[in-house]
Protein backbone atom coordinates (compact mmCIF):
# COMPACT_ATOMS: atom_id res chain seq x y z
CA MET A 1 34.28 -57.23 -56.64
CA ASP A 2 32.98 -59.84 -59.05
CA ALA A 3 33.08 -58.70 -62.68
CA ARG A 4 31.98 -60.72 -65.70
CA LYS A 5 34.33 -58.90 -68.05
CA THR A 6 37.63 -57.04 -67.75
CA LEU A 7 38.57 -54.25 -70.12
CA ASP A 8 42.30 -53.44 -70.28
CA VAL A 9 42.88 -49.82 -71.28
CA ARG A 10 46.38 -49.51 -69.80
CA GLY A 11 48.50 -47.02 -71.72
CA LEU A 12 45.52 -45.09 -73.09
CA LYS A 13 44.84 -41.45 -72.20
CA CYS A 14 41.58 -39.54 -71.92
CA PRO A 15 39.09 -39.91 -73.51
CA MET A 16 39.94 -43.40 -74.77
CA PRO A 17 39.29 -45.35 -71.52
CA ILE A 18 35.74 -43.98 -71.40
CA ILE A 19 35.14 -44.48 -75.12
CA ARG A 20 36.27 -48.10 -74.90
CA ALA A 21 34.25 -48.68 -71.70
CA LYS A 22 31.12 -47.24 -73.28
CA LYS A 23 31.49 -49.52 -76.31
CA GLU A 24 32.10 -52.57 -74.12
CA LEU A 25 29.10 -51.74 -71.92
CA GLU A 26 26.85 -51.55 -74.99
CA ALA A 27 27.64 -55.23 -75.59
CA THR A 28 27.18 -56.16 -71.92
CA PRO A 29 23.86 -57.46 -70.56
CA ALA A 30 22.03 -55.16 -68.15
CA GLY A 31 23.11 -55.75 -64.56
CA ASP A 32 26.51 -57.19 -65.43
CA VAL A 33 29.68 -55.65 -63.99
CA LEU A 34 32.60 -54.50 -66.14
CA LYS A 35 36.05 -54.08 -64.62
CA VAL A 36 38.14 -51.40 -66.37
CA VAL A 37 41.89 -51.35 -65.71
CA ALA A 38 43.65 -48.09 -66.63
CA THR A 39 47.04 -46.49 -66.05
CA ASP A 40 45.90 -42.90 -66.63
CA PRO A 41 45.51 -41.22 -63.20
CA GLY A 42 43.01 -38.82 -64.76
CA SER A 43 40.67 -41.74 -65.38
CA VAL A 44 39.52 -41.61 -61.76
CA LEU A 45 37.91 -38.19 -62.14
CA ASP A 46 36.99 -38.87 -65.78
CA PHE A 47 34.84 -41.88 -64.86
CA GLN A 48 33.25 -40.01 -61.95
CA GLY A 49 32.37 -37.10 -64.25
CA TRP A 50 31.04 -39.40 -66.96
CA ILE A 51 28.67 -41.03 -64.46
CA LYS A 52 27.49 -37.64 -63.14
CA ALA A 53 26.84 -36.52 -66.73
CA GLY A 54 24.27 -39.31 -67.13
CA ALA A 55 26.08 -42.41 -68.35
CA SER A 56 23.97 -45.54 -68.79
CA CYS A 57 25.85 -47.31 -66.01
CA GLU A 58 26.65 -47.09 -62.31
CA LEU A 59 30.11 -46.62 -60.85
CA LEU A 60 30.28 -49.29 -58.15
CA GLY A 61 33.81 -48.57 -57.00
CA GLN A 62 37.34 -47.49 -57.84
CA GLU A 63 40.64 -48.90 -56.58
CA GLU A 64 44.34 -48.32 -57.05
CA ASP A 65 46.62 -51.31 -57.60
CA ILE A 66 50.01 -52.29 -59.00
CA ASP A 67 50.05 -54.52 -62.09
CA GLU A 68 52.45 -57.35 -62.92
CA GLN A 69 54.83 -54.86 -64.60
CA GLY A 70 54.98 -52.66 -61.50
CA ARG A 71 52.77 -49.92 -62.96
CA LYS A 72 50.21 -48.13 -60.83
CA THR A 73 46.75 -48.96 -62.13
CA PHE A 74 43.34 -47.48 -61.55
CA VAL A 75 40.51 -50.01 -61.51
CA HIS A 76 36.92 -48.95 -62.13
CA TYR A 77 33.87 -51.17 -61.63
CA LEU A 78 30.85 -50.30 -63.75
CA ARG A 79 27.43 -51.93 -63.83
CA ARG A 80 25.19 -51.50 -66.85
CA ARG A 81 21.78 -50.18 -65.95
CA PRO A 82 18.67 -51.95 -67.22
């Protein structure tokens, strides 16, 4: 997925990945995609819940990956709504 920005929140626990993503999205033009890379497994459900609660963005997708240090990561793609 093509993202204009990447936000690295590896090592942070709930609620910090969402707080940081929200702040980054506020500075992102409407329609742009933000890629959020987290190591907290709870972030998967946290981002889903945040979207259902009425966030000002869309959750385009979520993936699991392994980073360069061998850590499991959870990648979230968010698009800011107009």
